[in-house]
Amino acid sequence: FRVLMQGLASLPRADAALRAALQARADREGWEVLHAELAAVDPLAGERIHPRDSQRIQRALEVYQLTGKTITAWQAEDTDPLSQYRIVSLALMPSERARLHERIAARFQQMLAAGFIDEVQRLYERGDLSADLPSIRSVGYRQAWAYCEGQLHYDDMCQQAIAATRQLAKRQMTWLRTWPTLTLFDSEANDLFMQVATVINQITLT
């Protein structure tokens, strides 16, 4: 959504040799060391990127070493592809966190009932995928993969997947609160439709 609204910076293309060198260093020293190096030159990126997010650490260091400019500085130069349009930003957010947590748990149980573990098991048995891939590191898949590897018991897998989803939802809500010119609505409100319609009518009349 942010890319749609603000565009993409003209970042340099990937450099295979530099990426291989960074990967070799990570294999020797660990991604935490490279993350600390990134944080030293780009504190904002260091704060934003998790110390074990190898893909983003590698890219941020690659950009800095190729250009001498941090990835944060590059991203601040985003273009505005929708400048000719009037953009109205609306979002739904539950006012009761307990209700949100109930829905997250119920949704994960629905995924399990629909065959989620069987799906991950088939991916695991292919043999050409690993836990280091971004898709497998995603919430839910990471915990199910660990279960398929025998690292987690079933109940622990469920608890950890639900907890990780809660953390993701918390980060998403924090991100929404920082979005400029965003109008938030309580997703649990009985008159939600009328609230949204009223705001849209007010905006279109101004």
C-alpha atoms as a PDB file:
ATOM      1  CA  PHE A   1       0.000   0.000   0.000  1.00  0.00           C
ATOM      2  CA  ARG A   2       2.811   2.396   0.858  1.00  0.00           C
ATOM      3  CA  VAL A   3       4.442   1.615  -2.493  1.00  0.00           C
ATOM      4  CA  LEU A   4       1.168   2.333  -4.288  1.00  0.00           C
ATOM      5  CA  MET A   5       0.783   5.643  -2.482  1.00  0.00           C
ATOM      6  CA  GLN A   6       4.381   6.858  -2.473  1.00  0.00           C
ATOM      7  CA  GLY A   7       6.076   4.957  -5.272  1.00  0.00           C
ATOM      8  CA  LEU A   8       9.422   3.183  -5.258  1.00  0.00           C
ATOM      9  CA  ALA A   9      12.864   4.672  -4.928  1.00  0.00           C
ATOM     10  CA  SER A  10      15.264   4.014  -7.814  1.00  0.00           C
ATOM     11  CA  LEU A  11      17.445   1.591  -5.867  1.00  0.00           C
ATOM     12  CA  PRO A  12      20.520   0.095  -7.553  1.00  0.00           C
ATOM     13  CA  ARG A  13      20.240  -3.355  -9.075  1.00  0.00           C
ATOM     14  CA  ALA A  14      21.400  -6.407  -7.160  1.00  0.00           C
ATOM     15  CA  ASP A  15      25.094  -7.232  -7.353  1.00  0.00           C
ATOM     16  CA  ALA A  16      25.611 -11.003  -7.336  1.00  0.00           C
ATOM     17  CA  ALA A  17      29.273 -10.830  -6.317  1.00  0.00           C
ATOM     18  CA  LEU A  18      28.616  -8.472  -3.423  1.00  0.00           C
ATOM     19  CA  ARG A  19      25.674 -10.559  -2.242  1.00  0.00           C
ATOM     20  CA  ALA A  20      27.842 -13.670  -2.295  1.00  0.00           C
ATOM     21  CA  ALA A  21      30.490 -11.859  -0.247  1.00  0.00           C
ATOM     22  CA  LEU A  22      27.915 -10.731   2.305  1.00  0.00           C
ATOM     23  CA  GLN A  23      26.502 -14.250   2.516  1.00  0.00           C
ATOM     24  CA  ALA A  24      29.996 -15.650   3.065  1.00  0.00           C
ATOM     25  CA  ARG A  25      30.559 -13.186   5.881  1.00  0.00           C
ATOM     26  CA  ALA A  26      27.230 -14.097   7.414  1.00  0.00           C
ATOM     27  CA  ASP A  27      28.143 -17.781   7.268  1.00  0.00           C
ATOM     28  CA  ARG A  28      31.355 -17.035   9.170  1.00  0.00           C
ATOM     29  CA  GLU A  29      30.235 -14.308  11.564  1.00  0.00           C
ATOM     30  CA  GLY A  30      26.443 -14.544  11.740  1.00  0.00           C
ATOM     31  CA  TRP A  31      23.731 -12.179  10.518  1.00  0.00           C
ATOM     32  CA  GLU A  32      23.629 -10.464  13.910  1.00  0.00           C
ATOM     33  CA  VAL A  33      27.130  -9.118  13.261  1.00  0.00           C
ATOM     34  CA  LEU A  34      26.121  -7.759   9.873  1.00  0.00           C
ATOM     35  CA  HIS A  35      22.978  -6.294  11.412  1.00  0.00           C
ATOM     36  CA  ALA A  36      25.119  -4.423  13.947  1.00  0.00           C
ATOM     37  CA  GLU A  37      27.245  -3.131  11.070  1.00  0.00           C
ATOM     38  CA  LEU A  38      24.105  -1.936   9.302  1.00  0.00           C
ATOM     39  CA  ALA A  39      22.793  -0.242  12.455  1.00  0.00           C
ATOM     40  CA  ALA A  40      26.067   1.644  12.788  1.00  0.00           C
ATOM     41  CA  VAL A  41      25.717   3.297   9.367  1.00  0.00           C
ATOM     42  CA  ASP A  42      21.914   3.393   9.170  1.00  0.00           C
ATOM     43  CA  PRO A  43      20.335   3.450  12.647  1.00  0.00           C
ATOM     44  CA  LEU A  44      16.790   3.732  11.273  1.00  0.00           C
ATOM     45  CA  ALA A  45      17.221   0.618   9.129  1.00  0.00           C
ATOM     46  CA  GLY A  46      18.862  -1.162  12.036  1.00  0.00           C
ATOM     47  CA  GLU A  47      15.844  -0.413  14.187  1.00  0.00           C
ATOM     48  CA  ARG A  48      13.373  -1.363  11.455  1.00  0.00           C
ATOM     49  CA  ILE A  49      15.028  -4.630  10.339  1.00  0.00           C
ATOM     50  CA  HIS A  50      15.132  -7.657  12.630  1.00  0.00           C
ATOM     51  CA  PRO A  51      18.666  -8.979  13.382  1.00  0.00           C
ATOM     52  CA  ARG A  52      17.757 -12.333  11.806  1.00  0.00           C
ATOM     53  CA  ASP A  53      16.069 -10.927   8.698  1.00  0.00           C
ATOM     54  CA  SER A  54      18.928 -11.971   6.425  1.00  0.00           C
ATOM     55  CA  GLN A  55      17.282 -10.893   3.175  1.00  0.00           C
ATOM     56  CA  ARG A  56      16.674  -7.284   4.229  1.00  0.00           C
ATOM     57  CA  ILE A  57      20.020  -6.964   6.035  1.00  0.00           C
ATOM     58  CA  GLN A  58      21.821  -8.178   2.929  1.00  0.00           C
ATOM     59  CA  ARG A  59      19.926  -5.769   0.678  1.00  0.00           C
ATOM     60  CA  ALA A  60      20.473  -2.769   2.951  1.00  0.00           C
ATOM     61  CA  LEU A  61      24.216  -3.404   3.217  1.00  0.00           C
ATOM     62  CA  GLU A  62      24.407  -4.083  -0.508  1.00  0.00           C
ATOM     63  CA  VAL A  63      22.794  -0.727  -1.332  1.00  0.00           C
ATOM     64  CA  TYR A  64      25.070   1.125   1.094  1.00  0.00           C
ATOM     65  CA  GLN A  65      28.251  -0.517  -0.177  1.00  0.00           C
ATOM     66  CA  LEU A  66      27.301   0.033  -3.818  1.00  0.00           C
ATOM     67  CA  THR A  67      26.280   3.674  -3.496  1.00  0.00           C
ATOM     68  CA  GLY A  68      27.646   5.050  -0.243  1.00  0.00           C
ATOM     69  CA  LYS A  69      24.087   6.078   0.614  1.00  0.00           C
ATOM     70  CA  THR A  70      21.882   4.276   3.121  1.00  0.00           C
ATOM     71  CA  ILE A  71      18.741   2.469   2.074  1.00  0.00           C
ATOM     72  CA  THR A  72      16.790   4.775   4.399  1.00  0.00           C
ATOM     73  CA  ALA A  73      18.050   7.789   2.455  1.00  0.00           C
ATOM     74  CA  TRP A  74      17.151   6.115  -0.840  1.00  0.00           C
ATOM     75  CA  GLN A  75      13.647   5.296   0.344  1.00  0.00           C
ATOM     76  CA  ALA A  76      13.106   8.891   1.458  1.00  0.00           C
ATOM     77  CA  GLU A  77      13.320   9.835  -2.221  1.00  0.00           C
ATOM     78  CA  ASP A  78      10.181   7.877  -3.157  1.00  0.00           C
ATOM     79  CA  THR A  79       8.197   9.216  -6.086  1.00  0.00           C
ATOM     80  CA  ASP A  80       4.502  10.014  -5.847  1.00  0.00           C
ATOM     81  CA  PRO A  81       2.715   8.104  -8.656  1.00  0.00           C
ATOM     82  CA  LEU A  82      -0.760   9.123  -7.508  1.00  0.00           C
ATOM     83  CA  SER A  83      -0.185  12.838  -7.039  1.00  0.00           C
ATOM     84  CA  GLN A  84      -2.905  13.674  -9.564  1.00  0.00           C
ATOM     85  CA  TYR A  85      -5.533  11.840  -7.501  1.00  0.00           C
ATOM     86  CA  ARG A  86      -7.250  12.624  -4.256  1.00  0.00           C
ATOM     87  CA  ILE A  87      -6.544   9.691  -1.953  1.00  0.00           C
ATOM     88  CA  VAL A  88      -8.855   8.863   0.953  1.00  0.00           C
ATOM     89  CA  SER A  89      -7.290   6.504   3.483  1.00  0.00           C
ATOM     90  CA  LEU A  90      -9.684   4.491   5.641  1.00  0.00           C
ATOM     91  CA  ALA A  91      -8.912   1.568   7.939  1.00  0.00           C
ATOM     92  CA  LEU A  92     -10.696  -0.775  10.329  1.00  0.00           C
ATOM     93  CA  MET A  93      -9.250  -1.565  13.735  1.00  0.00           C
ATOM     94  CA  PRO A  94     -10.886  -3.508  16.581  1.00  0.00           C
ATOM     95  CA  SER A  95     -11.354  -1.527  19.771  1.00  0.00           C
ATOM     96  CA  GLU A  96     -11.260  -4.657  21.936  1.00  0.00           C
ATOM     97  CA  ARG A  97      -7.971  -6.512  21.781  1.00  0.00           C
ATOM     98  CA  ALA A  98      -9.466  -9.566  23.473  1.00  0.00           C
ATOM     99  CA  ARG A  99     -11.972  -9.888  20.642  1.00  0.00           C
ATOM    100  CA  LEU A 100      -9.163  -9.624  18.102  1.00  0.00           C
ATOM    101  CA  HIS A 101      -7.252 -12.380  19.881  1.00  0.00           C
ATOM    102  CA  GLU A 102     -10.337 -14.602  19.820  1.00  0.00           C
ATOM    103  CA  ARG A 103     -10.671 -14.107  16.076  1.00  0.00           C
ATOM    104  CA  ILE A 104      -7.005 -14.847  15.479  1.00  0.00           C
ATOM    105  CA  ALA A 105      -7.243 -18.121  17.399  1.00  0.00           C
ATOM    106  CA  ALA A 106     -10.466 -19.089  15.636  1.00  0.00           C
ATOM    107  CA  ARG A 107      -8.970 -18.286  12.233  1.00  0.00           C
ATOM    108  CA  PHE A 108      -5.952 -20.489  12.897  1.00  0.00           C
ATOM    109  CA  GLN A 109      -8.202 -23.359  13.963  1.00  0.00           C
ATOM    110  CA  GLN A 110     -10.111 -22.918  10.695  1.00  0.00           C
ATOM    111  CA  MET A 111      -6.827 -23.111   8.787  1.00  0.00           C
ATOM    112  CA  LEU A 112      -5.947 -26.347  10.568  1.00  0.00           C
ATOM    113  CA  ALA A 113      -9.365 -27.811   9.829  1.00  0.00           C
ATOM    114  CA  ALA A 114      -8.942 -26.886   6.149  1.00  0.00           C
ATOM    115  CA  GLY A 115      -5.717 -28.907   5.883  1.00  0.00           C
ATOM    116  CA  PHE A 116      -2.995 -26.380   6.633  1.00  0.00           C
ATOM    117  CA  ILE A 117      -0.648 -28.941   8.202  1.00  0.00           C
ATOM    118  CA  ASP A 118      -1.080 -31.298   5.257  1.00  0.00           C
ATOM    119  CA  GLU A 119      -0.193 -28.434   2.923  1.00  0.00           C
ATOM    120  CA  VAL A 120       2.983 -27.591   4.831  1.00  0.00           C
ATOM    121  CA  GLN A 121       3.885 -31.280   5.120  1.00  0.00           C
ATOM    122  CA  ARG A 122       3.728 -31.628   1.329  1.00  0.00           C
ATOM    123  CA  LEU A 123       5.988 -28.611   0.934  1.00  0.00           C
ATOM    124  CA  TYR A 124       8.380 -30.031   3.516  1.00  0.00           C
ATOM    125  CA  GLU A 125       8.549 -33.391   1.758  1.00  0.00           C
ATOM    126  CA  ARG A 126       9.457 -31.816  -1.587  1.00  0.00           C
ATOM    127  CA  GLY A 127      13.034 -31.533  -0.390  1.00  0.00           C
ATOM    128  CA  ASP A 128      13.882 -28.373  -2.332  1.00  0.00           C
ATOM    129  CA  LEU A 129      12.602 -25.894   0.261  1.00  0.00           C
ATOM    130  CA  SER A 130      14.097 -24.787   3.557  1.00  0.00           C
ATOM    131  CA  ALA A 131      13.156 -22.868   6.678  1.00  0.00           C
ATOM    132  CA  ASP A 132      15.373 -19.977   5.539  1.00  0.00           C
ATOM    133  CA  LEU A 133      13.103 -19.028   2.637  1.00  0.00           C
ATOM    134  CA  PRO A 134      11.028 -15.851   3.204  1.00  0.00           C
ATOM    135  CA  SER A 135       7.807 -17.706   2.393  1.00  0.00           C
ATOM    136  CA  ILE A 136       8.521 -20.416   4.964  1.00  0.00           C
ATOM    137  CA  ARG A 137       9.543 -17.828   7.567  1.00  0.00           C
ATOM    138  CA  SER A 138       6.115 -16.206   7.366  1.00  0.00           C
ATOM    139  CA  VAL A 139       3.764 -16.392  10.333  1.00  0.00           C
ATOM    140  CA  GLY A 140       2.083 -19.775  10.627  1.00  0.00           C
ATOM    141  CA  TYR A 141       4.290 -21.486   8.080  1.00  0.00           C
ATOM    142  CA  ARG A 142       7.369 -21.068  10.265  1.00  0.00           C
ATOM    143  CA  GLN A 143       5.726 -22.806  13.212  1.00  0.00           C
ATOM    144  CA  ALA A 144       4.117 -25.529  11.078  1.00  0.00           C
ATOM    145  CA  TRP A 145       7.454 -26.179   9.386  1.00  0.00           C
ATOM    146  CA  ALA A 146       9.103 -26.618  12.781  1.00  0.00           C
ATOM    147  CA  TYR A 147       6.343 -29.083  13.672  1.00  0.00           C
ATOM    148  CA  CYS A 148       6.988 -31.062  10.482  1.00  0.00           C
ATOM    149  CA  GLU A 149      10.694 -31.124  11.341  1.00  0.00           C
ATOM    150  CA  GLY A 150       9.864 -32.541  14.757  1.00  0.00           C
ATOM    151  CA  GLN A 151      11.083 -29.455  16.598  1.00  0.00           C
ATOM    152  CA  LEU A 152       7.673 -28.587  18.067  1.00  0.00           C
ATOM    153  CA  HIS A 153       4.841 -30.602  19.539  1.00  0.00           C
ATOM    154  CA  TYR A 154       1.446 -29.983  17.971  1.00  0.00           C
ATOM    155  CA  ASP A 155       0.030 -27.934  20.868  1.00  0.00           C
ATOM    156  CA  ASP A 156       3.200 -25.839  21.088  1.00  0.00           C
ATOM    157  CA  MET A 157       3.044 -25.222  17.343  1.00  0.00           C
ATOM    158  CA  CYS A 158      -0.533 -23.954  17.645  1.00  0.00           C
ATOM    159  CA  GLN A 159       0.267 -21.698  20.598  1.00  0.00           C
ATOM    160  CA  GLN A 160       3.346 -20.232  18.931  1.00  0.00           C
ATOM    161  CA  ALA A 161       1.573 -19.642  15.615  1.00  0.00           C
ATOM    162  CA  ILE A 162      -1.295 -17.845  17.347  1.00  0.00           C
ATOM    163  CA  ALA A 163       1.135 -15.785  19.454  1.00  0.00           C
ATOM    164  CA  ALA A 164       3.129 -14.831  16.350  1.00  0.00           C
ATOM    165  CA  THR A 165      -0.065 -13.783  14.590  1.00  0.00           C
ATOM    166  CA  ARG A 166      -0.997 -11.608  17.549  1.00  0.00           C
ATOM    167  CA  GLN A 167       2.400  -9.916  17.366  1.00  0.00           C
ATOM    168  CA  LEU A 168       1.947  -9.364  13.646  1.00  0.00           C
ATOM    169  CA  ALA A 169      -1.475  -7.823  14.214  1.00  0.00           C
ATOM    170  CA  LYS A 170       0.011  -5.552  16.891  1.00  0.00           C
ATOM    171  CA  ARG A 171       2.710  -4.336  14.477  1.00  0.00           C
ATOM    172  CA  GLN A 172       0.117  -3.763  11.776  1.00  0.00           C
ATOM    173  CA  MET A 173      -2.026  -1.658  14.124  1.00  0.00           C
ATOM    174  CA  THR A 174       1.025   0.339  15.200  1.00  0.00           C
ATOM    175  CA  TRP A 175       1.806   0.948  11.534  1.00  0.00           C
ATOM    176  CA  LEU A 176      -1.755   2.071  10.857  1.00  0.00           C
ATOM    177  CA  ARG A 177      -1.626   4.595  13.701  1.00  0.00           C
ATOM    178  CA  THR A 178       1.419   6.239  12.114  1.00  0.00           C
ATOM    179  CA  TRP A 179      -0.225   6.551   8.695  1.00  0.00           C
ATOM    180  CA  PRO A 180      -0.824  10.235   7.862  1.00  0.00           C
ATOM    181  CA  THR A 181      -4.348  11.423   7.019  1.00  0.00           C
ATOM    182  CA  LEU A 182      -5.804   8.030   7.918  1.00  0.00           C
ATOM    183  CA  THR A 183      -9.338   7.763   9.285  1.00  0.00           C
ATOM    184  CA  LEU A 184      -9.769   4.803  11.642  1.00  0.00           C
ATOM    185  CA  PHE A 185     -13.035   3.009  12.350  1.00  0.00           C
ATOM    186  CA  ASP A 186     -13.882   0.525  15.057  1.00  0.00           C
ATOM    187  CA  SER A 187     -14.409  -2.749  13.216  1.00  0.00           C
ATOM    188  CA  GLU A 188     -16.766  -3.896  15.996  1.00  0.00           C
ATOM    189  CA  ALA A 189     -19.092  -0.896  15.739  1.00  0.00           C
ATOM    190  CA  ASN A 190     -22.737  -1.791  15.070  1.00  0.00           C
ATOM    191  CA  ASP A 191     -23.170   1.218  12.792  1.00  0.00           C
ATOM    192  CA  LEU A 192     -19.856   0.757  10.976  1.00  0.00           C
ATOM    193  CA  PHE A 193     -21.379   1.058   7.516  1.00  0.00           C
ATOM    194  CA  MET A 194     -23.118   4.319   8.385  1.00  0.00           C
ATOM    195  CA  GLN A 195     -19.948   5.758   9.915  1.00  0.00           C
ATOM    196  CA  VAL A 196     -17.917   4.997   6.809  1.00  0.00           C
ATOM    197  CA  ALA A 197     -20.644   6.285   4.491  1.00  0.00           C
ATOM    198  CA  THR A 198     -20.900   9.530   6.476  1.00  0.00           C
ATOM    199  CA  VAL A 199     -17.153  10.190   6.270  1.00  0.00           C
ATOM    200  CA  ILE A 200     -17.053   9.442   2.549  1.00  0.00           C
ATOM    201  CA  ASN A 201     -20.019  11.737   1.916  1.00  0.00           C
ATOM    202  CA  GLN A 202     -18.366  14.529   3.873  1.00  0.00           C
ATOM    203  CA  ILE A 203     -15.143  14.135   1.905  1.00  0.00           C
ATOM    204  CA  THR A 204     -16.826  14.074  -1.485  1.00  0.00           C
ATOM    205  CA  LEU A 205     -18.747  17.244  -0.674  1.00  0.00           C
ATOM    206  CA  THR A 206     -15.647  19.248   0.239  1.00  0.00           C
END
